N, C-alpha and C. Protein backbone atom coordinates (compact mmCIF):
# COMPACT_ATOMS: atom_id res chain seq x y z
N MET A 1 73.28 94.50 146.30
CA MET A 1 74.68 94.76 146.62
C MET A 1 74.99 94.12 147.97
N PRO A 2 76.10 93.40 148.07
CA PRO A 2 76.48 92.79 149.34
C PRO A 2 76.74 93.85 150.41
N LEU A 3 76.35 93.53 151.64
CA LEU A 3 76.55 94.46 152.75
C LEU A 3 78.02 94.80 152.93
N ALA A 4 78.90 93.83 152.74
CA ALA A 4 80.34 94.08 152.91
C ALA A 4 80.82 95.18 151.98
N MET A 5 80.31 95.23 150.76
CA MET A 5 80.73 96.27 149.82
C MET A 5 80.28 97.63 150.32
N SER A 6 79.05 97.70 150.84
CA SER A 6 78.56 98.99 151.32
C SER A 6 79.34 99.48 152.52
N LEU A 7 79.79 98.58 153.37
CA LEU A 7 80.55 98.97 154.54
C LEU A 7 81.98 99.37 154.19
N ASP A 8 82.50 98.86 153.09
CA ASP A 8 83.87 99.15 152.68
C ASP A 8 83.99 100.23 151.62
N SER A 9 82.87 100.84 151.21
CA SER A 9 82.95 101.79 150.10
C SER A 9 83.92 102.95 150.35
N PRO A 10 84.06 103.48 151.59
CA PRO A 10 85.08 104.53 151.77
C PRO A 10 86.50 104.01 151.49
N ARG A 11 86.75 102.77 151.85
CA ARG A 11 88.06 102.18 151.56
C ARG A 11 88.29 102.03 150.06
N TYR A 12 87.24 101.62 149.35
CA TYR A 12 87.36 101.48 147.90
C TYR A 12 87.63 102.84 147.26
N LYS A 13 86.97 103.88 147.76
CA LYS A 13 87.20 105.22 147.22
C LYS A 13 88.65 105.63 147.43
N LEU A 14 89.17 105.41 148.63
CA LEU A 14 90.57 105.76 148.90
C LEU A 14 91.52 104.97 148.01
N LEU A 15 91.27 103.68 147.88
CA LEU A 15 92.12 102.84 147.05
C LEU A 15 92.10 103.30 145.59
N LEU A 16 90.91 103.55 145.08
CA LEU A 16 90.80 103.98 143.68
C LEU A 16 91.46 105.35 143.47
N ASN A 17 91.31 106.25 144.42
CA ASN A 17 91.97 107.55 144.31
C ASN A 17 93.49 107.39 144.28
N GLU A 18 94.00 106.52 145.13
CA GLU A 18 95.45 106.27 145.14
C GLU A 18 95.91 105.65 143.82
N LEU A 19 95.16 104.70 143.32
CA LEU A 19 95.52 104.08 142.04
C LEU A 19 95.51 105.12 140.91
N LEU A 20 94.52 106.00 140.93
CA LEU A 20 94.45 107.03 139.90
C LEU A 20 95.62 108.00 139.98
N LYS A 21 96.07 108.31 141.17
CA LYS A 21 97.23 109.21 141.33
C LYS A 21 98.47 108.65 140.65
N HIS A 22 98.56 107.32 140.65
CA HIS A 22 99.76 106.67 140.12
C HIS A 22 99.55 106.02 138.76
N THR A 23 98.44 106.35 138.10
CA THR A 23 98.15 105.78 136.78
C THR A 23 98.12 106.91 135.76
N ASP A 24 98.97 106.81 134.77
CA ASP A 24 99.00 107.82 133.71
C ASP A 24 97.66 107.87 132.99
N THR A 25 97.29 109.05 132.55
CA THR A 25 96.00 109.21 131.87
C THR A 25 95.92 108.44 130.56
N ASP A 26 97.07 108.13 129.98
CA ASP A 26 97.05 107.37 128.72
C ASP A 26 97.18 105.86 128.94
N HIS A 27 97.23 105.44 130.20
CA HIS A 27 97.30 104.00 130.51
C HIS A 27 95.94 103.36 130.21
N ALA A 28 95.97 102.12 129.78
CA ALA A 28 94.76 101.40 129.39
C ALA A 28 93.74 101.28 130.54
N ASP A 29 94.20 101.27 131.78
CA ASP A 29 93.31 101.10 132.93
C ASP A 29 92.74 102.41 133.48
N HIS A 30 93.24 103.53 133.00
CA HIS A 30 92.84 104.82 133.60
C HIS A 30 91.33 105.05 133.52
N GLN A 31 90.74 104.90 132.35
CA GLN A 31 89.30 105.15 132.21
C GLN A 31 88.48 104.19 133.07
N GLY A 32 88.90 102.95 133.16
CA GLY A 32 88.20 101.99 134.01
C GLY A 32 88.26 102.38 135.48
N LEU A 33 89.40 102.90 135.91
CA LEU A 33 89.54 103.35 137.30
C LEU A 33 88.66 104.57 137.57
N VAL A 34 88.60 105.48 136.60
CA VAL A 34 87.73 106.66 136.74
C VAL A 34 86.27 106.22 136.88
N LYS A 35 85.85 105.31 136.01
CA LYS A 35 84.47 104.80 136.05
C LYS A 35 84.19 104.08 137.37
N ALA A 36 85.13 103.28 137.83
CA ALA A 36 84.96 102.56 139.09
C ALA A 36 84.81 103.54 140.25
N LEU A 37 85.62 104.59 140.25
CA LEU A 37 85.53 105.60 141.31
C LEU A 37 84.17 106.30 141.27
N GLU A 38 83.70 106.62 140.08
CA GLU A 38 82.38 107.23 139.95
C GLU A 38 81.28 106.33 140.50
N LEU A 39 81.37 105.04 140.18
CA LEU A 39 80.35 104.09 140.66
C LEU A 39 80.39 103.91 142.17
N VAL A 40 81.60 103.78 142.72
CA VAL A 40 81.73 103.61 144.17
C VAL A 40 81.23 104.87 144.89
N THR A 41 81.53 106.03 144.33
CA THR A 41 81.05 107.28 144.92
C THR A 41 79.53 107.35 144.88
N ALA A 42 78.94 106.94 143.77
CA ALA A 42 77.48 106.94 143.65
C ALA A 42 76.85 105.97 144.65
N VAL A 43 77.44 104.81 144.82
CA VAL A 43 76.93 103.82 145.77
C VAL A 43 77.01 104.38 147.19
N ALA A 44 78.13 104.99 147.53
CA ALA A 44 78.31 105.56 148.87
C ALA A 44 77.27 106.65 149.12
N THR A 45 77.01 107.48 148.12
CA THR A 45 76.01 108.53 148.26
C THR A 45 74.62 107.95 148.47
N GLU A 46 74.28 106.92 147.70
CA GLU A 46 72.97 106.28 147.87
C GLU A 46 72.83 105.64 149.25
N ILE A 47 73.88 105.02 149.72
CA ILE A 47 73.84 104.41 151.05
C ILE A 47 73.64 105.49 152.11
N ASN A 48 74.38 106.57 152.01
CA ASN A 48 74.24 107.66 152.98
C ASN A 48 72.84 108.25 152.95
N ASP A 49 72.31 108.47 151.75
CA ASP A 49 70.96 109.02 151.63
C ASP A 49 69.92 108.07 152.22
N ALA A 50 70.06 106.78 151.96
CA ALA A 50 69.13 105.80 152.49
C ALA A 50 69.20 105.73 154.01
N MET A 51 70.40 105.83 154.56
CA MET A 51 70.55 105.80 156.01
C MET A 51 69.93 107.05 156.65
N LYS A 52 70.11 108.20 156.02
CA LYS A 52 69.50 109.44 156.54
C LYS A 52 67.98 109.33 156.50
N GLU A 53 67.44 108.82 155.41
CA GLU A 53 65.99 108.65 155.30
C GLU A 53 65.48 107.67 156.35
N HIS A 54 66.20 106.60 156.56
CA HIS A 54 65.81 105.63 157.58
C HIS A 54 65.79 106.29 158.96
N ASP A 55 66.81 107.09 159.26
CA ASP A 55 66.86 107.78 160.55
C ASP A 55 65.69 108.75 160.71
N ARG A 56 65.35 109.49 159.63
CA ARG A 56 64.22 110.43 159.69
C ARG A 56 62.91 109.68 159.94
N ARG A 57 62.74 108.56 159.26
CA ARG A 57 61.51 107.77 159.46
C ARG A 57 61.44 107.20 160.86
N GLN A 58 62.58 106.78 161.38
CA GLN A 58 62.59 106.22 162.72
C GLN A 58 62.22 107.28 163.75
N VAL A 59 62.72 108.50 163.57
CA VAL A 59 62.38 109.60 164.48
C VAL A 59 60.88 109.88 164.42
N ARG A 60 60.31 109.93 163.21
CA ARG A 60 58.87 110.16 163.07
C ARG A 60 58.07 109.04 163.70
N PHE A 61 58.51 107.80 163.51
CA PHE A 61 57.82 106.65 164.08
C PHE A 61 57.79 106.74 165.60
N VAL A 62 58.92 107.06 166.19
CA VAL A 62 59.00 107.17 167.65
C VAL A 62 58.11 108.32 168.13
N ALA A 63 58.14 109.44 167.42
CA ALA A 63 57.32 110.59 167.80
C ALA A 63 55.84 110.25 167.75
N VAL A 64 55.41 109.60 166.69
CA VAL A 64 53.99 109.22 166.56
C VAL A 64 53.61 108.24 167.65
N ASN A 65 54.45 107.28 167.95
CA ASN A 65 54.14 106.30 168.98
C ASN A 65 54.13 106.92 170.38
N ASN A 66 54.87 108.00 170.55
CA ASN A 66 54.84 108.67 171.85
C ASN A 66 53.60 109.54 172.01
N VAL A 67 53.06 110.06 170.89
CA VAL A 67 51.89 110.91 170.92
C VAL A 67 50.62 110.09 170.93
N ALA A 68 50.58 109.00 170.20
CA ALA A 68 49.38 108.19 170.05
C ALA A 68 48.79 107.73 171.39
N PRO A 69 49.59 107.24 172.34
CA PRO A 69 48.99 106.82 173.61
C PRO A 69 48.30 107.99 174.34
N CYS A 70 48.81 109.20 174.19
CA CYS A 70 48.21 110.36 174.83
C CYS A 70 46.84 110.66 174.24
N LEU A 71 46.67 110.44 172.95
CA LEU A 71 45.42 110.71 172.29
C LEU A 71 44.33 109.71 172.67
N CYS A 72 44.74 108.52 173.06
CA CYS A 72 43.77 107.46 173.38
C CYS A 72 43.24 107.55 174.80
N SER A 73 43.93 108.30 175.66
CA SER A 73 43.51 108.34 177.06
C SER A 73 42.44 109.36 177.31
């Protein structure tokens, strides 16, 4: 997935929500908009989860590197 898409996913969610507000449920595009919103939401969730995991790993890495020199002395 392009980085630009991941950075703009909140905007896509807002845009799709607005489009859905103004699209009748019997319109030919309604189901496609619902599916697109579901996909964008799933991508945003995955990105957030990956960023949280990265942050947790970075904290552990820093902690281990701060403790390791003490153990060697």
